[in-house]
């Protein structure tokens, strides 16, 4: 297999494929190109009543790119993971190059309780993995990240696969052909995840009010 580099990884994303390993201790990495793709489209995140109540309750704070390594490590800290050492190092290199980003959720004791990370290219964001160490930790992370990406002009949030968890939050499953079209359009645009400050809790909650 050819040597994997951050540049090759970006080329793969632009072509519609992404890397995985069979498990943590398997050094091999393979490319995945699903026939059906999970995505969030702009404005498509579903903020449920229960999640809205959790946001109003507070007791957390969010940050962007504050501790990328900790988020990736937390995502890999499970019995089965596709994040091996090679993949970890590649995403650290992409982060150092300003292409990979993390959103962190911490509680009042400054403990990391949720987060998500992914890769930005053009106006596309490729969500790689998320984790939760407290109730709704990953949901809070996605609520803030999708609101932020919309505000920054991103037009495609690729979730790779559609899980029941993501479907409950508004993600859709689309055929490979439609995904490739949306990806091509997103790559023609420019967006920066640092174009705006992270939204406030009120701004995240406002999305539900606008849809009600």
Protein backbone atom coordinates (compact mmCIF):
# COMPACT_ATOMS: atom_id res chain seq x y z
CA UNK A 1 0.00 0.00 0.00
CA UNK A 2 1.25 3.47 -0.82
CA UNK A 3 2.49 5.64 2.03
CA UNK A 4 -0.31 7.63 3.58
CA UNK A 5 0.29 11.37 3.87
CA UNK A 6 -1.93 14.26 4.93
CA UNK A 7 -1.97 15.41 1.29
CA UNK A 8 -3.14 11.99 0.07
CA UNK A 9 -5.84 12.01 2.74
CA UNK A 10 -7.17 15.36 1.52
CA UNK A 11 -7.18 14.08 -2.06
CA UNK A 12 -9.17 11.06 -0.91
CA UNK A 13 -11.77 13.24 0.83
CA UNK A 14 -12.11 15.37 -2.29
CA UNK A 15 -12.72 12.16 -4.25
CA UNK A 16 -15.44 10.99 -1.86
CA UNK A 17 -13.58 8.28 0.08
CA UNK A 18 -12.26 8.10 3.62
CA UNK A 19 -9.85 5.87 5.57
CA UNK A 20 -10.53 3.28 8.27
CA UNK A 21 -8.68 0.49 10.06
CA UNK A 22 -10.22 -2.81 11.12
CA UNK A 23 -9.28 -2.14 14.73
CA UNK A 24 -6.86 -0.22 16.94
CA UNK A 25 -3.99 -2.71 16.65
CA UNK A 26 -4.28 -3.35 12.90
CA UNK A 27 -1.60 -1.26 11.13
CA UNK A 28 -3.39 -1.49 7.77
CA UNK A 29 -5.66 1.29 6.53
CA UNK A 30 -8.28 0.84 3.81
CA UNK A 31 -10.49 3.23 1.83
CA UNK A 32 -14.27 3.33 2.23
CA UNK A 33 -16.76 4.58 -0.40
CA UNK A 34 -20.30 3.79 0.85
CA UNK A 35 -23.12 3.31 -1.63
CA UNK A 36 -25.29 5.43 0.66
CA UNK A 37 -23.92 8.33 2.67
CA UNK A 38 -25.03 10.02 5.87
CA UNK A 39 -25.14 13.81 5.73
CA UNK A 40 -26.44 16.87 7.54
CA UNK A 41 -27.61 19.51 5.08
CA UNK A 42 -27.65 23.20 6.08
CA UNK A 43 -30.33 23.85 8.69
CA UNK A 44 -31.09 20.15 8.93
CA UNK A 45 -30.05 19.49 12.53
CA UNK A 46 -33.06 18.54 14.67
CA UNK A 47 -33.02 20.06 18.13
CA UNK A 48 -35.41 17.96 20.20
CA UNK A 49 -37.32 19.29 23.19
CA UNK A 50 -35.24 17.18 25.56
CA UNK A 51 -31.96 18.44 24.08
CA UNK A 52 -33.25 22.02 24.19
CA UNK A 53 -34.01 21.55 27.90
CA UNK A 54 -30.50 20.20 28.43
CA UNK A 55 -29.01 23.25 26.71
CA UNK A 56 -31.11 25.63 28.82
CA UNK A 57 -30.00 23.79 31.96
CA UNK A 58 -26.40 24.74 31.17
CA UNK A 59 -23.51 23.45 33.24
CA UNK A 60 -21.20 23.11 30.24
CA UNK A 61 -18.99 25.15 27.94
CA UNK A 62 -17.88 24.56 24.38
CA UNK A 63 -14.63 25.35 22.60
CA UNK A 64 -13.14 24.96 19.14
CA UNK A 65 -9.72 23.41 18.50
CA UNK A 66 -8.85 23.68 22.18
CA UNK A 67 -7.63 20.08 22.59
CA UNK A 68 -7.79 18.17 19.32
CA UNK A 69 -5.62 15.27 20.54
CA UNK A 70 -7.84 14.71 23.58
CA UNK A 71 -10.97 14.55 21.43
CA UNK A 72 -9.47 12.03 18.99
CA UNK A 73 -8.14 9.97 21.90
CA UNK A 74 -11.58 9.98 23.54
CA UNK A 75 -13.20 8.88 20.28
CA UNK A 76 -10.73 5.97 20.10
CA UNK A 77 -11.22 5.03 23.76
CA UNK A 78 -13.75 2.24 23.23
CA UNK A 79 -13.63 -1.52 22.91
CA UNK A 80 -13.90 -1.38 19.11
CA UNK A 81 -12.41 1.49 17.14
CA UNK A 82 -11.22 2.11 13.59
CA UNK A 83 -8.70 4.72 14.82
CA UNK A 84 -5.26 3.10 14.81
CA UNK A 85 -1.92 4.83 15.39
CA UNK A 86 -1.50 5.68 11.70
CA UNK A 87 -4.89 7.35 11.49
CA UNK A 88 -4.32 9.21 14.76
CA UNK A 89 -1.02 10.60 13.49
CA UNK A 90 -2.50 11.57 10.13
CA UNK A 91 -5.29 13.58 11.73
CA UNK A 92 -2.86 15.24 14.10
CA UNK A 93 -0.85 16.32 11.04
CA UNK A 94 -4.02 17.62 9.35
CA UNK A 95 -4.88 19.53 12.52
CA UNK A 96 -1.39 21.04 12.64
CA UNK A 97 -1.93 22.09 9.02
CA UNK A 98 -5.26 23.76 9.81
CA UNK A 99 -7.44 21.18 8.05
CA UNK A 100 -8.74 19.05 10.93
CA UNK A 101 -10.77 20.53 13.76
CA UNK A 102 -12.37 19.56 17.04
CA UNK A 103 -15.22 20.90 19.11
CA UNK A 104 -15.00 20.19 22.82
CA UNK A 105 -17.72 20.13 25.50
CA UNK A 106 -16.60 20.47 29.13
CA UNK A 107 -18.56 20.49 32.35
CA UNK A 108 -18.26 22.99 35.19
CA UNK A 109 -15.35 21.00 36.61
CA UNK A 110 -13.52 21.39 33.28
CA UNK A 111 -13.85 17.68 32.47
CA UNK A 112 -14.15 16.74 28.80
CA UNK A 113 -17.65 15.23 28.52
CA UNK A 114 -18.26 15.28 24.77
CA UNK A 115 -16.78 16.22 21.45
CA UNK A 116 -16.55 15.74 17.72
CA UNK A 117 -13.75 16.09 15.19
CA UNK A 118 -13.44 16.16 11.42
CA UNK A 119 -11.81 17.61 8.34
CA UNK A 120 -12.70 20.83 6.51
CA UNK A 121 -12.18 21.15 2.77
CA UNK A 122 -13.82 23.90 0.73
CA UNK A 123 -17.33 24.27 2.13
CA UNK A 124 -17.50 20.60 3.15
CA UNK A 125 -16.94 19.28 6.65
CA UNK A 126 -16.20 15.58 7.00
CA UNK A 127 -17.24 14.46 10.47
CA UNK A 128 -14.97 11.63 11.57
CA UNK A 129 -16.04 10.62 15.04
CA UNK A 130 -17.66 11.85 18.25
CA UNK A 131 -17.87 10.72 21.84
CA UNK A 132 -19.89 11.27 24.98
CA UNK A 133 -18.87 10.82 28.62
CA UNK A 134 -22.02 12.38 30.07
CA UNK A 135 -25.68 12.55 29.10
CA UNK A 136 -26.09 14.21 25.68
CA UNK A 137 -22.40 15.16 25.46
CA UNK A 138 -22.13 14.28 21.77
CA UNK A 139 -25.57 15.77 21.00
CA UNK A 140 -24.53 19.09 22.54
CA UNK A 141 -21.32 19.00 20.48
CA UNK A 142 -23.24 18.39 17.25
CA UNK A 143 -25.85 21.05 18.05
CA UNK A 144 -23.13 23.67 18.41
CA UNK A 145 -21.02 22.40 15.52
CA UNK A 146 -23.86 22.26 12.97
CA UNK A 147 -25.04 25.74 13.99
CA UNK A 148 -21.48 27.03 13.68
CA UNK A 149 -20.82 25.39 10.31
CA UNK A 150 -24.05 26.84 8.89
CA UNK A 151 -23.04 30.31 10.10
CA UNK A 152 -19.58 29.92 8.54
CA UNK A 153 -20.99 29.02 5.12
CA UNK A 154 -20.45 25.25 5.02
CA UNK A 155 -22.92 23.52 2.70
CA UNK A 156 -22.23 19.84 3.44
CA UNK A 157 -21.62 17.96 6.69
CA UNK A 158 -20.61 14.42 5.81
CA UNK A 159 -21.35 11.92 8.63
CA UNK A 160 -20.12 8.96 6.52
CA UNK A 161 -22.79 6.51 7.69
CA UNK A 162 -26.32 7.08 8.99
CA UNK A 163 -26.88 5.65 12.45
CA UNK A 164 -30.19 5.75 14.38
CA UNK A 165 -28.53 8.29 16.69
CA UNK A 166 -27.67 10.62 13.79
CA UNK A 167 -31.04 10.08 12.11
CA UNK A 168 -32.78 11.23 15.31
CA UNK A 169 -30.79 14.46 15.04
CA UNK A 170 -31.84 15.16 11.45
CA UNK A 171 -29.14 13.47 9.40
CA UNK A 172 -30.19 12.00 6.06
CA UNK A 173 -29.01 9.07 3.97
CA UNK A 174 -28.44 9.85 0.30
CA UNK A 175 -27.18 7.81 -2.69
CA UNK A 176 -23.52 7.97 -3.66
CA UNK A 177 -24.33 9.90 -6.86
CA UNK A 178 -26.15 12.69 -5.03
CA UNK A 179 -23.40 12.82 -2.42
CA UNK A 180 -20.76 13.24 -5.13
CA UNK A 181 -22.76 16.11 -6.65
CA UNK A 182 -23.12 17.88 -3.31
CA UNK A 183 -19.44 17.32 -2.58
CA UNK A 184 -18.38 18.75 -5.93
CA UNK A 185 -20.49 21.85 -5.30
CA UNK A 186 -19.09 22.26 -1.78
CA UNK A 187 -15.50 21.96 -3.00
CA UNK A 188 -16.11 24.85 -5.40
CA UNK A 189 -16.89 27.10 -2.42
CA UNK A 190 -14.65 28.45 0.31
CA UNK A 191 -15.58 28.40 3.98
CA UNK A 192 -13.55 28.84 7.15
CA UNK A 193 -14.46 27.25 10.47
CA UNK A 194 -12.78 30.22 12.15
CA UNK A 195 -14.75 32.82 10.20
CA UNK A 196 -17.06 33.40 13.16
CA UNK A 197 -17.04 32.88 16.89
CA UNK A 198 -18.82 29.82 18.23
CA UNK A 199 -22.54 30.41 18.70
CA UNK A 200 -24.02 31.10 22.11
CA UNK A 201 -26.48 28.69 23.65
CA UNK A 202 -29.28 31.14 22.83
CA UNK A 203 -28.24 31.13 19.16
CA UNK A 204 -28.33 27.33 19.07
CA UNK A 205 -31.75 27.33 20.74
CA UNK A 206 -33.01 29.95 18.30
CA UNK A 207 -32.82 27.40 15.49
CA UNK A 208 -35.57 25.40 17.17
CA UNK A 209 -37.71 28.52 17.58
CA UNK A 210 -37.30 29.34 13.89
CA UNK A 211 -38.55 25.87 12.91
CA UNK A 212 -41.46 25.75 15.37
